[in-house]
């Protein structure tokens, strides 16, 4: 997917998370994290709390784990 500079975009991770690989041709970049509303931030916090221990022990990106 190509996204022009200055354009906004969003992702929604599934239960296994998301891997993002970004290529930029600049020495500086901005990242703005915006929740749709307070509930969005609550869901992110809950996901972090629920999966933090699992993420700590991961040695490969989620995209390379076998599907269950």
PDB file of N, CA and C in Angstrom:
ATOM      1  N   UNK A   1       0.845  -1.159   0.000  1.00  0.00           N
ATOM      2  CA  UNK A   1       0.000   0.000   0.000  1.00  0.00           C
ATOM      3  C   UNK A   1       0.899   1.234   0.000  1.00  0.00           C
ATOM      4  N   UNK A   2       0.617   2.176  -0.854  1.00  0.00           N
ATOM      5  CA  UNK A   2       1.355   3.439  -0.905  1.00  0.00           C
ATOM      6  C   UNK A   2       0.510   4.523  -0.254  1.00  0.00           C
ATOM      7  N   UNK A   3       1.101   5.262   0.653  1.00  0.00           N
ATOM      8  CA  UNK A   3       0.404   6.358   1.323  1.00  0.00           C
ATOM      9  C   UNK A   3       1.243   7.613   1.140  1.00  0.00           C
ATOM     10  N   UNK A   4       0.635   8.628   0.566  1.00  0.00           N
ATOM     11  CA  UNK A   4       1.346   9.890   0.324  1.00  0.00           C
ATOM     12  C   UNK A   4       1.731  10.569   1.638  1.00  0.00           C
ATOM     13  N   UNK A   5       2.817  11.315   1.599  1.00  0.00           N
ATOM     14  CA  UNK A   5       3.261  12.071   2.764  1.00  0.00           C
ATOM     15  C   UNK A   5       2.146  12.986   3.247  1.00  0.00           C
ATOM     16  N   UNK A   6       1.977  13.051   4.549  1.00  0.00           N
ATOM     17  CA  UNK A   6       0.976  13.924   5.134  1.00  0.00           C
ATOM     18  C   UNK A   6      -0.424  13.353   5.166  1.00  0.00           C
ATOM     19  N   UNK A   7      -0.617  12.185   4.567  1.00  0.00           N
ATOM     20  CA  UNK A   7      -1.946  11.570   4.553  1.00  0.00           C
ATOM     21  C   UNK A   7      -2.150  10.756   5.825  1.00  0.00           C
ATOM     22  N   UNK A   8      -3.360  10.740   6.297  1.00  0.00           N
ATOM     23  CA  UNK A   8      -3.689   9.941   7.465  1.00  0.00           C
ATOM     24  C   UNK A   8      -4.133   8.547   7.056  1.00  0.00           C
ATOM     25  N   UNK A   9      -3.949   7.599   7.923  1.00  0.00           N
ATOM     26  CA  UNK A   9      -4.429   6.243   7.690  1.00  0.00           C
ATOM     27  C   UNK A   9      -4.581   5.550   9.038  1.00  0.00           C
ATOM     28  N   UNK A  10      -5.266   4.450   9.056  1.00  0.00           N
ATOM     29  CA  UNK A  10      -5.519   3.735  10.307  1.00  0.00           C
ATOM     30  C   UNK A  10      -5.372   2.241  10.086  1.00  0.00           C
ATOM     31  N   UNK A  11      -5.091   1.545  11.159  1.00  0.00           N
ATOM     32  CA  UNK A  11      -5.041   0.089  11.168  1.00  0.00           C
ATOM     33  C   UNK A  11      -5.821  -0.390  12.374  1.00  0.00           C
ATOM     34  N   UNK A  12      -6.394  -1.560  12.250  1.00  0.00           N
ATOM     35  CA  UNK A  12      -7.034  -2.191  13.399  1.00  0.00           C
ATOM     36  C   UNK A  12      -6.437  -3.581  13.522  1.00  0.00           C
ATOM     37  N   UNK A  13      -5.752  -3.823  14.615  1.00  0.00           N
ATOM     38  CA  UNK A  13      -5.098  -5.114  14.824  1.00  0.00           C
ATOM     39  C   UNK A  13      -6.114  -6.168  15.226  1.00  0.00           C
ATOM     40  N   UNK A  14      -5.849  -7.378  14.811  1.00  0.00           N
ATOM     41  CA  UNK A  14      -6.663  -8.517  15.214  1.00  0.00           C
ATOM     42  C   UNK A  14      -6.175  -9.055  16.547  1.00  0.00           C
ATOM     43  N   UNK A  15      -6.717 -10.177  16.986  1.00  0.00           N
ATOM     44  CA  UNK A  15      -6.360 -10.727  18.296  1.00  0.00           C
ATOM     45  C   UNK A  15      -4.887 -11.119  18.409  1.00  0.00           C
ATOM     46  N   UNK A  16      -4.221 -11.387  17.292  1.00  0.00           N
ATOM     47  CA  UNK A  16      -2.810 -11.759  17.332  1.00  0.00           C
ATOM     48  C   UNK A  16      -1.900 -10.549  17.177  1.00  0.00           C
ATOM     49  N   UNK A  17      -2.463  -9.368  17.055  1.00  0.00           N
ATOM     50  CA  UNK A  17      -1.658  -8.165  16.899  1.00  0.00           C
ATOM     51  C   UNK A  17      -1.460  -7.829  15.442  1.00  0.00           C
ATOM     52  N   UNK A  18      -0.469  -6.997  15.174  1.00  0.00           N
ATOM     53  CA  UNK A  18      -0.180  -6.570  13.809  1.00  0.00           C
ATOM     54  C   UNK A  18       1.318  -6.288  13.688  1.00  0.00           C
ATOM     55  N   UNK A  19       1.890  -6.630  12.561  1.00  0.00           N
ATOM     56  CA  UNK A  19       3.270  -6.259  12.239  1.00  0.00           C
ATOM     57  C   UNK A  19       3.201  -5.153  11.203  1.00  0.00           C
ATOM     58  N   UNK A  20       3.979  -4.113  11.396  1.00  0.00           N
ATOM     59  CA  UNK A  20       4.000  -3.006  10.444  1.00  0.00           C
ATOM     60  C   UNK A  20       5.447  -2.769  10.034  1.00  0.00           C
ATOM     61  N   UNK A  21       5.678  -2.718   8.753  1.00  0.00           N
ATOM     62  CA  UNK A  21       6.993  -2.409   8.216  1.00  0.00           C
ATOM     63  C   UNK A  21       6.831  -1.184   7.329  1.00  0.00           C
ATOM     64  N   UNK A  22       7.485  -0.097   7.703  1.00  0.00           N
ATOM     65  CA  UNK A  22       7.337   1.154   6.951  1.00  0.00           C
ATOM     66  C   UNK A  22       8.682   1.556   6.359  1.00  0.00           C
ATOM     67  N   UNK A  23       8.670   1.920   5.095  1.00  0.00           N
ATOM     68  CA  UNK A  23       9.855   2.446   4.418  1.00  0.00           C
ATOM     69  C   UNK A  23       9.634   3.934   4.192  1.00  0.00           C
ATOM     70  N   UNK A  24      10.592   4.735   4.586  1.00  0.00           N
ATOM     71  CA  UNK A  24      10.471   6.183   4.425  1.00  0.00           C
ATOM     72  C   UNK A  24      11.727   6.707   3.747  1.00  0.00           C
ATOM     73  N   UNK A  25      11.555   7.724   2.948  1.00  0.00           N
ATOM     74  CA  UNK A  25      12.721   8.336   2.298  1.00  0.00           C
ATOM     75  C   UNK A  25      13.032   9.683   2.942  1.00  0.00           C
ATOM     76  N   UNK A  26      12.937   9.735   4.251  1.00  0.00           N
ATOM     77  CA  UNK A  26      13.182  10.971   4.988  1.00  0.00           C
ATOM     78  C   UNK A  26      14.011  10.649   6.226  1.00  0.00           C
ATOM     79  N   UNK A  27      14.694  11.650   6.743  1.00  0.00           N
ATOM     80  CA  UNK A  27      15.474  11.445   7.956  1.00  0.00           C
ATOM     81  C   UNK A  27      14.653  11.712   9.213  1.00  0.00           C
ATOM     82  N   UNK A  28      13.492  12.330   9.058  1.00  0.00           N
ATOM     83  CA  UNK A  28      12.595  12.602  10.177  1.00  0.00           C
ATOM     84  C   UNK A  28      11.185  12.172   9.801  1.00  0.00           C
ATOM     85  N   UNK A  29      10.420  11.763  10.787  1.00  0.00           N
ATOM     86  CA  UNK A  29       9.015  11.438  10.513  1.00  0.00           C
ATOM     87  C   UNK A  29       8.180  11.743  11.749  1.00  0.00           C
ATOM     88  N   UNK A  30       6.912  11.917  11.541  1.00  0.00           N
ATOM     89  CA  UNK A  30       5.933  12.160  12.599  1.00  0.00           C
ATOM     90  C   UNK A  30       5.001  10.972  12.686  1.00  0.00           C
ATOM     91  N   UNK A  31       4.648  10.590  13.876  1.00  0.00           N
ATOM     92  CA  UNK A  31       3.631   9.560  14.068  1.00  0.00           C
ATOM     93  C   UNK A  31       2.624  10.127  15.056  1.00  0.00           C
ATOM     94  N   UNK A  32       1.384  10.165  14.668  1.00  0.00           N
ATOM     95  CA  UNK A  32       0.316  10.637  15.550  1.00  0.00           C
ATOM     96  C   UNK A  32      -0.616   9.467  15.826  1.00  0.00           C
ATOM     97  N   UNK A  33      -0.732   9.094  17.092  1.00  0.00           N
ATOM     98  CA  UNK A  33      -1.652   8.032  17.474  1.00  0.00           C
ATOM     99  C   UNK A  33      -2.956   8.675  17.901  1.00  0.00           C
ATOM    100  N   UNK A  34      -3.999   8.329  17.211  1.00  0.00           N
ATOM    101  CA  UNK A  34      -5.296   8.930  17.518  1.00  0.00           C
ATOM    102  C   UNK A  34      -6.329   7.840  17.735  1.00  0.00           C
ATOM    103  N   UNK A  35      -6.946   7.860  18.874  1.00  0.00           N
ATOM    104  CA  UNK A  35      -8.043   6.944  19.127  1.00  0.00           C
ATOM    105  C   UNK A  35      -9.318   7.567  18.619  1.00  0.00           C
ATOM    106  N   UNK A  36     -10.228   6.716  18.213  1.00  0.00           N
ATOM    107  CA  UNK A  36     -11.509   7.233  17.735  1.00  0.00           C
ATOM    108  C   UNK A  36     -12.256   7.936  18.863  1.00  0.00           C
ATOM    109  N   UNK A  37     -12.092   7.414  20.058  1.00  0.00           N
ATOM    110  CA  UNK A  37     -12.730   7.984  21.240  1.00  0.00           C
ATOM    111  C   UNK A  37     -12.090   7.330  22.464  1.00  0.00           C
ATOM    112  N   UNK A  38     -12.589   7.654  23.630  1.00  0.00           N
ATOM    113  CA  UNK A  38     -12.018   7.096  24.856  1.00  0.00           C
ATOM    114  C   UNK A  38     -12.111   5.573  24.879  1.00  0.00           C
ATOM    115  N   UNK A  39     -13.170   5.006  24.310  1.00  0.00           N
ATOM    116  CA  UNK A  39     -13.313   3.550  24.274  1.00  0.00           C
ATOM    117  C   UNK A  39     -12.195   2.902  23.471  1.00  0.00           C
ATOM    118  N   UNK A  40     -11.734   3.555  22.411  1.00  0.00           N
ATOM    119  CA  UNK A  40     -10.625   3.019  21.616  1.00  0.00           C
ATOM    120  C   UNK A  40      -9.370   2.890  22.470  1.00  0.00           C
ATOM    121  N   UNK A  41      -9.084   3.919  23.247  1.00  0.00           N
ATOM    122  CA  UNK A  41      -7.906   3.864  24.111  1.00  0.00           C
ATOM    123  C   UNK A  41      -8.077   2.796  25.180  1.00  0.00           C
ATOM    124  N   UNK A  42      -9.277   2.663  25.726  1.00  0.00           N
ATOM    125  CA  UNK A  42      -9.529   1.621  26.726  1.00  0.00           C
ATOM    126  C   UNK A  42      -9.285   0.233  26.144  1.00  0.00           C
ATOM    127  N   UNK A  43      -9.698  -0.001  24.884  1.00  0.00           N
ATOM    128  CA  UNK A  43      -9.467  -1.303  24.238  1.00  0.00           C
ATOM    129  C   UNK A  43      -7.973  -1.556  24.048  1.00  0.00           C
ATOM    130  N   UNK A  44      -7.221  -0.523  23.666  1.00  0.00           N
ATOM    131  CA  UNK A  44      -5.771  -0.691  23.495  1.00  0.00           C
ATOM    132  C   UNK A  44      -5.101  -1.037  24.823  1.00  0.00           C
ATOM    133  N   UNK A  45      -5.499  -0.349  25.875  1.00  0.00           N
ATOM    134  CA  UNK A  45      -4.929  -0.610  27.199  1.00  0.00           C
ATOM    135  C   UNK A  45      -5.273  -2.024  27.650  1.00  0.00           C
ATOM    136  N   UNK A  46      -6.509  -2.431  27.450  1.00  0.00           N
ATOM    137  CA  UNK A  46      -6.937  -3.778  27.834  1.00  0.00           C
ATOM    138  C   UNK A  46      -6.154  -4.842  27.053  1.00  0.00           C
ATOM    139  N   UNK A  47      -5.969  -4.632  25.756  1.00  0.00           N
ATOM    140  CA  UNK A  47      -5.209  -5.587  24.940  1.00  0.00           C
ATOM    141  C   UNK A  47      -3.773  -5.679  25.439  1.00  0.00           C
ATOM    142  N   UNK A  48      -3.183  -4.546  25.763  1.00  0.00           N
ATOM    143  CA  UNK A  48      -1.816  -4.565  26.278  1.00  0.00           C
ATOM    144  C   UNK A  48      -1.745  -5.352  27.577  1.00  0.00           C
ATOM    145  N   UNK A  49      -2.650  -5.078  28.499  1.00  0.00           N
ATOM    146  CA  UNK A  49      -2.643  -5.784  29.783  1.00  0.00           C
ATOM    147  C   UNK A  49      -2.850  -7.282  29.598  1.00  0.00           C
ATOM    148  N   UNK A  50      -3.763  -7.649  28.708  1.00  0.00           N
ATOM    149  CA  UNK A  50      -4.077  -9.063  28.490  1.00  0.00           C
ATOM    150  C   UNK A  50      -2.934  -9.826  27.838  1.00  0.00           C
ATOM    151  N   UNK A  51      -2.137  -9.154  27.021  1.00  0.00           N
ATOM    152  CA  UNK A  51      -1.141  -9.872  26.216  1.00  0.00           C
ATOM    153  C   UNK A  51       0.311  -9.518  26.539  1.00  0.00           C
ATOM    154  N   UNK A  52       0.541  -8.625  27.474  1.00  0.00           N
ATOM    155  CA  UNK A  52       1.905  -8.172  27.765  1.00  0.00           C
ATOM    156  C   UNK A  52       2.842  -9.327  28.103  1.00  0.00           C
ATOM    157  N   UNK A  53       2.400 -10.257  28.938  1.00  0.00           N
ATOM    158  CA  UNK A  53       3.262 -11.382  29.323  1.00  0.00           C
ATOM    159  C   UNK A  53       3.593 -12.250  28.113  1.00  0.00           C
ATOM    160  N   UNK A  54       2.627 -12.470  27.246  1.00  0.00           N
ATOM    161  CA  UNK A  54       2.855 -13.254  26.033  1.00  0.00           C
ATOM    162  C   UNK A  54       3.861 -12.548  25.129  1.00  0.00           C
ATOM    163  N   UNK A  55       3.695 -11.258  24.917  1.00  0.00           N
ATOM    164  CA  UNK A  55       4.595 -10.496  24.049  1.00  0.00           C
ATOM    165  C   UNK A  55       6.025 -10.527  24.577  1.00  0.00           C
ATOM    166  N   UNK A  56       6.175 -10.491  25.912  1.00  0.00           N
ATOM    167  CA  UNK A  56       7.505 -10.504  26.505  1.00  0.00           C
ATOM    168  C   UNK A  56       8.291 -11.745  26.104  1.00  0.00           C
ATOM    169  N   UNK A  57       7.598 -12.867  25.994  1.00  0.00           N
ATOM    170  CA  UNK A  57       8.264 -14.118  25.679  1.00  0.00           C
ATOM    171  C   UNK A  57       8.388 -14.418  24.197  1.00  0.00           C
ATOM    172  N   UNK A  58       7.839 -13.580  23.338  1.00  0.00           N
ATOM    173  CA  UNK A  58       7.892 -13.846  21.901  1.00  0.00           C
ATOM    174  C   UNK A  58       9.304 -13.650  21.365  1.00  0.00           C
ATOM    175  N   UNK A  59       9.691 -14.548  20.489  1.00  0.00           N
ATOM    176  CA  UNK A  59      11.004 -14.450  19.870  1.00  0.00           C
ATOM    177  C   UNK A  59      10.904 -14.209  18.370  1.00  0.00           C
ATOM    178  N   UNK A  60       9.721 -14.372  17.812  1.00  0.00           N
ATOM    179  CA  UNK A  60       9.494 -14.124  16.385  1.00  0.00           C
ATOM    180  C   UNK A  60       8.281 -13.223  16.250  1.00  0.00           C
ATOM    181  N   UNK A  61       8.171 -12.482  15.168  1.00  0.00           N
ATOM    182  CA  UNK A  61       6.994 -11.644  14.964  1.00  0.00           C
ATOM    183  C   UNK A  61       5.729 -12.497  14.892  1.00  0.00           C
ATOM    184  N   UNK A  62       4.595 -11.978  15.359  1.00  0.00           N
ATOM    185  CA  UNK A  62       3.344 -12.733  15.313  1.00  0.00           C
ATOM    186  C   UNK A  62       3.002 -13.257  13.923  1.00  0.00           C
ATOM    187  N   UNK A  63       3.385 -12.531  12.881  1.00  0.00           N
ATOM    188  CA  UNK A  63       3.052 -12.966  11.527  1.00  0.00           C
ATOM    189  C   UNK A  63       3.778 -14.252  11.138  1.00  0.00           C
ATOM    190  N   UNK A  64       4.828 -14.602  11.858  1.00  0.00           N
ATOM    191  CA  UNK A  64       5.573 -15.817  11.547  1.00  0.00           C
ATOM    192  C   UNK A  64       5.180 -16.993  12.435  1.00  0.00           C
ATOM    193  N   UNK A  65       4.284 -16.774  13.387  1.00  0.00           N
ATOM    194  CA  UNK A  65       3.832 -17.861  14.249  1.00  0.00           C
ATOM    195  C   UNK A  65       2.855 -18.751  13.496  1.00  0.00           C
ATOM    196  N   UNK A  66       2.843 -20.053  13.800  1.00  0.00           N
ATOM    197  CA  UNK A  66       1.873 -20.931  13.138  1.00  0.00           C
ATOM    198  C   UNK A  66       0.451 -20.557  13.539  1.00  0.00           C
ATOM    199  N   UNK A  67      -0.457 -20.658  12.599  1.00  0.00           N
ATOM    200  CA  UNK A  67      -1.874 -20.364  12.869  1.00  0.00           C
ATOM    201  C   UNK A  67      -2.481 -21.502  13.675  1.00  0.00           C
ATOM    202  N   UNK A  68      -3.321 -21.150  14.637  1.00  0.00           N
ATOM    203  CA  UNK A  68      -3.990 -22.184  15.442  1.00  0.00           C
ATOM    204  C   UNK A  68      -5.460 -22.227  15.150  1.00  0.00           C
TER     205      UNK A  68
END
